[in-house]
Structures are given as structure tokens and as C-alpha cells.
Protein backbone atom coordinates (compact mmCIF):
# COMPACT_ATOMS: atom_id res chain seq x y z
CA MET A 1 -5.05 3.72 19.68
CA THR A 2 -6.22 5.71 22.94
CA SER A 3 -5.95 9.42 23.68
CA THR A 4 -5.00 8.67 27.52
CA PRO A 5 -1.36 9.45 28.40
CA LEU A 6 -0.65 5.77 29.25
CA GLY A 7 -2.24 4.84 25.82
CA ILE A 8 0.04 7.43 23.95
CA PHE A 9 3.08 6.23 25.74
CA ASN A 10 2.36 2.59 24.90
CA TRP A 11 1.70 3.46 21.30
CA PHE A 12 5.14 5.23 20.97
CA SER A 13 6.72 2.23 22.74
CA ARG A 14 5.06 -0.14 20.14
CA ALA A 15 6.04 2.26 17.34
CA GLY A 16 9.61 2.15 18.54
CA SER A 17 9.48 -1.70 18.69
CA ALA A 18 8.18 -1.73 15.03
CA CYS A 19 11.16 0.38 13.88
CA LEU A 20 13.34 -1.98 15.58
CA LEU A 21 11.57 -5.03 13.88
CA GLY A 22 12.06 -3.24 10.62
CA GLY A 23 15.67 -3.03 11.01
CA GLN A 24 15.99 -6.47 12.34
CA THR A 25 13.94 -7.76 9.22
CA LEU A 26 16.10 -5.91 6.80
CA ILE A 27 19.24 -7.47 8.29
CA HIS A 28 17.60 -11.12 8.07
CA VAL A 29 16.55 -10.34 4.33
CA ILE A 30 20.05 -9.30 3.67
CA GLN A 31 21.39 -12.48 5.06
CA GLY A 32 18.95 -14.48 3.02
CA ARG A 33 17.20 -16.16 5.97
CA PHE A 34 14.07 -17.05 4.08
CA HIS A 35 11.42 -19.71 4.71
CA TYR A 36 10.18 -20.17 1.24
CA ARG A 37 7.27 -21.99 1.72
CA ASN A 38 5.84 -19.42 4.24
CA ILE A 39 6.78 -16.76 1.63
CA LEU A 40 4.73 -18.46 -1.07
CA GLU A 41 1.74 -18.84 1.26
CA GLN A 42 1.83 -15.28 2.23
CA MET A 43 2.19 -14.14 -1.38
CA ALA A 44 -0.87 -16.19 -2.32
CA SER A 45 -2.79 -14.42 0.64
CA VAL A 46 -1.62 -10.87 -0.13
CA GLY A 47 -1.87 -10.97 -4.02
CA PRO A 48 -4.48 -13.04 -5.45
CA GLU A 49 -6.95 -12.69 -2.70
CA SER A 50 -6.51 -8.76 -3.01
CA VAL A 51 -6.90 -8.63 -6.84
CA LEU A 52 -10.86 -8.23 -7.07
CA ILE A 53 -10.98 -5.48 -4.45
CA THR A 54 -8.21 -3.75 -6.30
CA ILE A 55 -9.89 -4.05 -9.68
CA VAL A 56 -13.19 -2.70 -8.24
CA THR A 57 -11.66 0.11 -6.32
CA GLY A 58 -9.44 1.15 -9.21
CA ILE A 59 -12.22 1.32 -11.77
CA PHE A 60 -14.39 3.59 -9.60
CA VAL A 61 -11.36 5.72 -8.44
CA GLY A 62 -10.44 6.36 -12.01
CA ALA A 63 -14.16 6.91 -12.94
CA VAL A 64 -14.76 9.43 -10.29
CA PHE A 65 -11.56 11.31 -10.84
CA THR A 66 -12.39 11.65 -14.61
CA ILE A 67 -15.84 12.99 -13.75
CA GLN A 68 -14.33 15.66 -11.69
CA VAL A 69 -11.36 16.50 -13.98
CA ALA A 70 -13.26 16.19 -17.42
CA ARG A 71 -16.22 18.69 -16.60
CA GLU A 72 -13.68 21.24 -15.63
CA PHE A 73 -11.22 20.77 -18.45
CA LEU A 74 -13.92 20.64 -21.05
CA GLU A 75 -15.09 23.95 -19.84
CA PHE A 76 -11.82 25.50 -20.72
CA GLY A 77 -11.41 23.56 -24.04
CA ALA A 78 -8.63 21.33 -22.50
CA GLY A 79 -10.40 17.95 -23.07
CA THR A 80 -7.16 16.43 -24.59
CA LEU A 81 -5.45 16.60 -21.22
CA VAL A 82 -7.93 14.57 -19.34
CA GLY A 83 -6.24 11.09 -19.89
CA GLY A 84 -2.75 12.41 -19.17
CA VAL A 85 -3.80 14.10 -15.74
CA LEU A 86 -5.67 10.90 -14.76
CA SER A 87 -2.62 8.63 -15.59
CA LEU A 88 -0.33 11.02 -13.86
CA SER A 89 -2.43 11.16 -10.74
CA LEU A 90 -3.02 7.40 -10.72
CA LEU A 91 0.87 6.37 -11.02
CA ARG A 92 2.19 9.14 -8.86
CA GLU A 93 -0.23 9.12 -6.06
CA LEU A 94 -3.61 7.44 -6.19
CA ALA A 95 -2.59 3.81 -7.18
CA PRO A 96 0.32 3.29 -4.69
CA VAL A 97 -1.42 5.19 -1.87
CA LEU A 98 -4.75 3.52 -2.10
CA THR A 99 -3.30 0.08 -2.79
CA GLY A 100 -1.41 0.56 0.61
CA VAL A 101 -4.60 1.61 2.15
CA LEU A 102 -6.37 -1.55 0.88
CA LEU A 103 -3.46 -3.76 2.10
CA ALA A 104 -3.51 -2.02 5.37
CA GLY A 105 -7.13 -2.78 5.87
CA ARG A 106 -7.23 -6.31 4.51
CA VAL A 107 -3.71 -7.61 5.06
CA GLY A 108 -2.19 -5.68 7.89
CA SER A 109 -5.19 -6.26 10.21
CA ALA A 110 -5.03 -10.12 9.38
CA PHE A 111 -1.25 -10.02 10.17
CA ALA A 112 -1.88 -8.36 13.54
CA ALA A 113 -4.72 -10.47 14.48
CA GLU A 114 -3.03 -13.78 13.46
CA ILE A 115 0.29 -13.04 15.16
CA GLY A 116 -1.49 -11.40 18.05
CA THR A 117 -3.41 -14.50 18.62
CA MET A 118 -0.29 -16.68 18.52
CA GLN A 119 1.32 -14.29 21.16
CA VAL A 120 -1.50 -14.39 23.62
CA THR A 121 -1.90 -18.30 23.18
CA GLU A 122 1.90 -18.58 23.79
CA GLN A 123 2.53 -20.09 20.31
CA ILE A 124 5.50 -17.68 19.85
CA ASP A 125 7.07 -18.99 22.98
CA ALA A 126 6.68 -22.41 21.63
CA LEU A 127 8.45 -21.25 18.42
CA LEU A 128 11.43 -19.96 20.63
CA MET A 129 11.60 -23.36 22.47
CA LEU A 130 11.97 -25.01 19.06
CA LYS A 131 14.73 -22.68 18.44
CA THR A 132 12.66 -21.07 15.53
CA ASP A 133 13.29 -17.40 15.16
CA PRO A 134 9.77 -15.65 14.98
CA VAL A 135 11.22 -12.97 12.75
CA ASP A 136 12.51 -15.46 10.15
CA TYR A 137 9.33 -17.70 10.36
CA LEU A 138 6.64 -15.10 10.80
CA VAL A 139 7.75 -11.58 9.78
CA VAL A 140 10.23 -12.00 6.99
CA PRO A 141 7.78 -13.97 4.85
CA ARG A 142 5.05 -11.46 5.35
CA VAL A 143 7.41 -8.43 4.64
CA VAL A 144 8.77 -10.19 1.49
CA ALA A 145 5.26 -11.00 0.26
CA CYS A 146 4.01 -7.53 0.53
CA CYS A 147 6.84 -5.97 -0.99
CA LEU A 148 6.51 -8.40 -4.10
CA MET A 149 2.84 -8.14 -4.39
CA ALA A 150 2.23 -4.43 -3.56
CA PRO A 151 3.81 -3.26 -6.96
CA VAL A 152 1.64 -5.82 -8.84
CA LEU A 153 -1.45 -4.74 -7.18
CA THR A 154 -0.45 -1.04 -7.80
CA LEU A 155 -0.06 -1.70 -11.40
CA ILE A 156 -3.51 -3.49 -11.61
CA PHE A 157 -4.92 -0.51 -9.83
CA ALA A 158 -3.49 1.98 -12.27
CA ILE A 159 -4.61 -0.04 -15.33
CA MET A 160 -8.14 -0.47 -14.03
CA GLY A 161 -8.16 3.24 -12.93
CA THR A 162 -7.29 4.20 -16.41
CA LEU A 163 -9.86 1.87 -17.83
CA GLY A 164 -12.65 3.36 -15.77
CA GLY A 165 -11.52 6.86 -16.75
CA LEU A 166 -11.55 6.04 -20.32
CA LEU A 167 -15.14 4.65 -20.04
CA VAL A 168 -16.32 7.74 -18.47
CA ALA A 169 -14.57 10.19 -20.87
CA VAL A 170 -15.78 8.27 -23.93
CA TYR A 171 -19.43 7.53 -22.81
CA PHE A 172 -20.21 10.54 -20.74
CA TYR A 173 -18.18 13.31 -22.14
CA ASP A 174 -17.88 12.39 -25.81
CA LEU A 175 -14.07 12.30 -25.95
CA THR A 176 -12.44 9.72 -28.27
CA LYS A 177 -10.47 6.75 -27.38
CA ILE A 178 -7.56 7.89 -29.35
CA THR A 179 -7.42 11.38 -27.83
CA PHE A 180 -7.62 10.01 -24.50
CA LEU A 181 -4.94 7.30 -24.95
CA GLN A 182 -2.69 9.65 -26.73
CA SER A 183 -2.80 12.06 -23.78
CA VAL A 184 -1.82 9.21 -21.48
CA GLN A 185 1.10 8.37 -23.78
CA ASP A 186 2.23 12.06 -24.08
CA PHE A 187 2.18 12.59 -20.28
CA LEU A 188 3.72 9.39 -18.89
CA GLU A 189 7.21 8.95 -18.47
CA PRO A 190 9.29 5.85 -17.20
CA TRP A 191 10.03 7.68 -13.95
CA ASP A 192 6.23 7.93 -13.17
CA LEU A 193 6.00 4.00 -13.29
CA SER A 194 9.33 3.59 -11.40
CA SER A 195 8.10 6.02 -8.66
CA ALA A 196 4.86 4.19 -8.24
CA MET A 197 6.78 0.84 -7.93
CA ILE A 198 9.06 2.21 -5.29
CA LYS A 199 6.24 3.75 -3.27
CA SER A 200 4.36 0.49 -3.33
CA VAL A 201 7.36 -1.60 -2.09
CA VAL A 202 7.77 1.02 0.75
CA PHE A 203 4.15 0.98 1.68
CA GLY A 204 3.89 -2.90 1.52
CA ALA A 205 6.87 -3.17 3.82
CA ILE A 206 5.24 -0.61 6.18
CA VAL A 207 2.01 -2.69 6.36
CA ALA A 208 3.68 -5.91 7.00
CA ILE A 209 6.18 -4.67 9.55
CA ILE A 210 3.48 -2.67 11.61
CA GLY A 211 0.93 -5.55 11.48
CA SER A 212 3.50 -8.03 12.55
CA SER A 213 4.85 -5.77 15.22
CA TRP A 214 1.64 -4.96 16.77
CA GLY A 215 0.88 -8.54 16.68
CA LEU A 216 4.16 -9.59 18.53
CA THR A 217 3.52 -6.97 21.18
CA THR A 218 -0.07 -7.93 21.78
CA SER A 219 -1.29 -8.71 25.44
CA GLY A 220 -4.47 -9.02 27.26
CA GLY A 221 -6.09 -12.13 25.68
CA ALA A 222 -8.88 -11.51 23.00
CA LYS A 223 -9.54 -7.91 23.80
CA GLY A 224 -5.81 -7.34 23.28
CA VAL A 225 -5.84 -9.00 19.91
CA GLY A 226 -8.85 -6.72 18.87
CA THR A 227 -7.08 -3.67 20.15
CA SER A 228 -3.88 -4.48 18.56
CA THR A 229 -5.61 -4.95 15.19
CA THR A 230 -7.38 -1.71 15.10
CA ALA A 231 -4.15 0.14 16.23
CA ALA A 232 -2.06 -1.60 13.57
CA VAL A 233 -4.38 -0.57 10.73
CA VAL A 234 -4.49 2.93 11.86
CA THR A 235 -0.83 3.31 12.55
CA ALA A 236 -0.16 1.82 9.09
CA LEU A 237 -2.42 4.32 7.47
CA LEU A 238 -0.61 7.15 9.26
CA ALA A 239 2.80 5.87 8.41
CA ILE A 240 1.78 5.46 4.73
CA PHE A 241 0.40 9.09 4.44
CA ILE A 242 3.36 10.55 6.24
CA CYS A 243 5.93 8.56 4.11
CA ASN A 244 4.03 9.35 0.95
CA PHE A 245 4.71 13.16 1.60
CA PHE A 246 8.37 12.76 2.03
CA LEU A 247 8.57 10.30 -0.97
CA SER A 248 6.71 12.66 -3.21
CA GLY A 249 8.70 15.58 -2.08
CA PHE A 250 11.92 13.70 -2.79
CA MET A 251 10.88 12.13 -6.18
CA PHE A 252 9.14 15.13 -7.67
CA GLN A 253 11.19 18.07 -6.87
CA GLY A 254 11.42 21.16 -9.07
CA LEU A 255 9.08 22.13 -11.97
CA GLY A 256 6.96 19.62 -13.71
CA GLU A 257 7.38 18.82 -17.55
CA ALA A 258 4.19 16.92 -18.12
CA LEU A 259 1.89 19.67 -19.20
CA ARG A 260 4.68 21.26 -21.33
CA GLY A 261 5.38 18.00 -22.92
CA GLY A 262 1.65 17.28 -23.37
């Protein structure tokens, strides 16, 4: 992304193309126009290959969050709330958002670079000559794979984050496992898990569509591929943060019940 007027105009033009591609992809998915082999290949790329970084990130995010929360809560004699606050934060915000960020950096960039290379080497034109729709062949499998794998990775992130927080609470702040886990059970509701899954699906779709769209609109050879890859990641991150604001505002309206229930 560049700050020049021409660059800004180009970015808005490509963002509009991404929105159109998203609508087109949705129509193709509803029509059931799937390349199942491509979907399985993309699922393997998005899911299993992202598990390790998700586990490591989740553990340390949960551990750091617990350090910041536990020291303050214990000061006010509210140590029994640490586990519940951590679990709510992970499921409602941290797990889906940070999983989306990880996917944008690892998967979205790969989509933009791969499809962008195909575009500048005229492989997309070759697909059209073979009467193969690039949306069906390239975009739909990536969107479906991200929408299916993102909730799984989000759940792994939340579990690992809770585990990291539990270890810190037990070994650094002398809280018992039973107290921590009972707090988690008291605070969490089915909607918290459902909201995390909904967010993760939306974020997964955003990453796949933006990465694919920026790849399809790439021009300018190798330099253009690099520029598109960087712009795709930055745009996906912005879209995730903006959508998260509106999703959170819609999903968690009114006064909370968690502390009252805990």
C-alpha cells in the first residue's frame, strides 16, 4: 500500500474488486461448484501446516494475559476470577482475531504470491482458454478451506491459551487448578464458543478472498507480485480488525452477565 494519490486510488479499486470477488465466490459456493481435490489440498495447507504456530502463539498469549490479569486481581482478592476472565477474552476476542492475523500472515500472503505469479506468467489466461473458471478452480477452494480450518485453529488457540494461563496461574501465583478451571466453567456460555466460531469463519473468508483478489489483480512482473503480497496482508489485517469491531458490537450488546454469574 502506498500513500500517493494514484496508489490510494489503485487500492480502492482493488478493494472493490475484492468485494465483487467475494460476492461471486458466495454465489459459486451456493451453486455447489467445487473442485474437491483442490479443496482438500488447500485444507492441508491452511490447517495442519498452521497448527504448530497456533499452539505456540496461543500458549504464550494466554500466559502473558494471565500474568497481567492475575497480579492485579490478586491485589484485590479476586483470584477466583482469573480463569474466567482469561477464557472469555480468548474466546470472544483473542483467539479468533489472532488466528485471523496468523492466517493473514502465513496463508493470505501465500495465496496472493501464488495466484499473483500465475497472473503475471499468464497461467490464468491459460485456464480461461481451457474453459476453466479461475474462481471455481483457484478462489473457491481457498475460501472453503479457510472457512473450515479457521474455526479448528481458533479452538486450538483457545485451548492452548487456557493451558498457558493455567500453568502461569498455578506455578507463578499459587492458584489451584480446581479454582482456575471452575472459574472457566462458571464464566463461559455456549454463545461464547459460537461467537468465536462465527468470527473465525468470517476472518478466514476475508483472508482467502483478499489474498486471492490481490493475486488476480497483480501486474508488473516479480515486483508486482511482491507488492501485491504485502498489500494483501496489510489489507486483510485492516479488514479483520474493522469487521471484528462490528461483529463484537453486534454479538455482545447490552450488559454482561459473566461476572454476575461467576
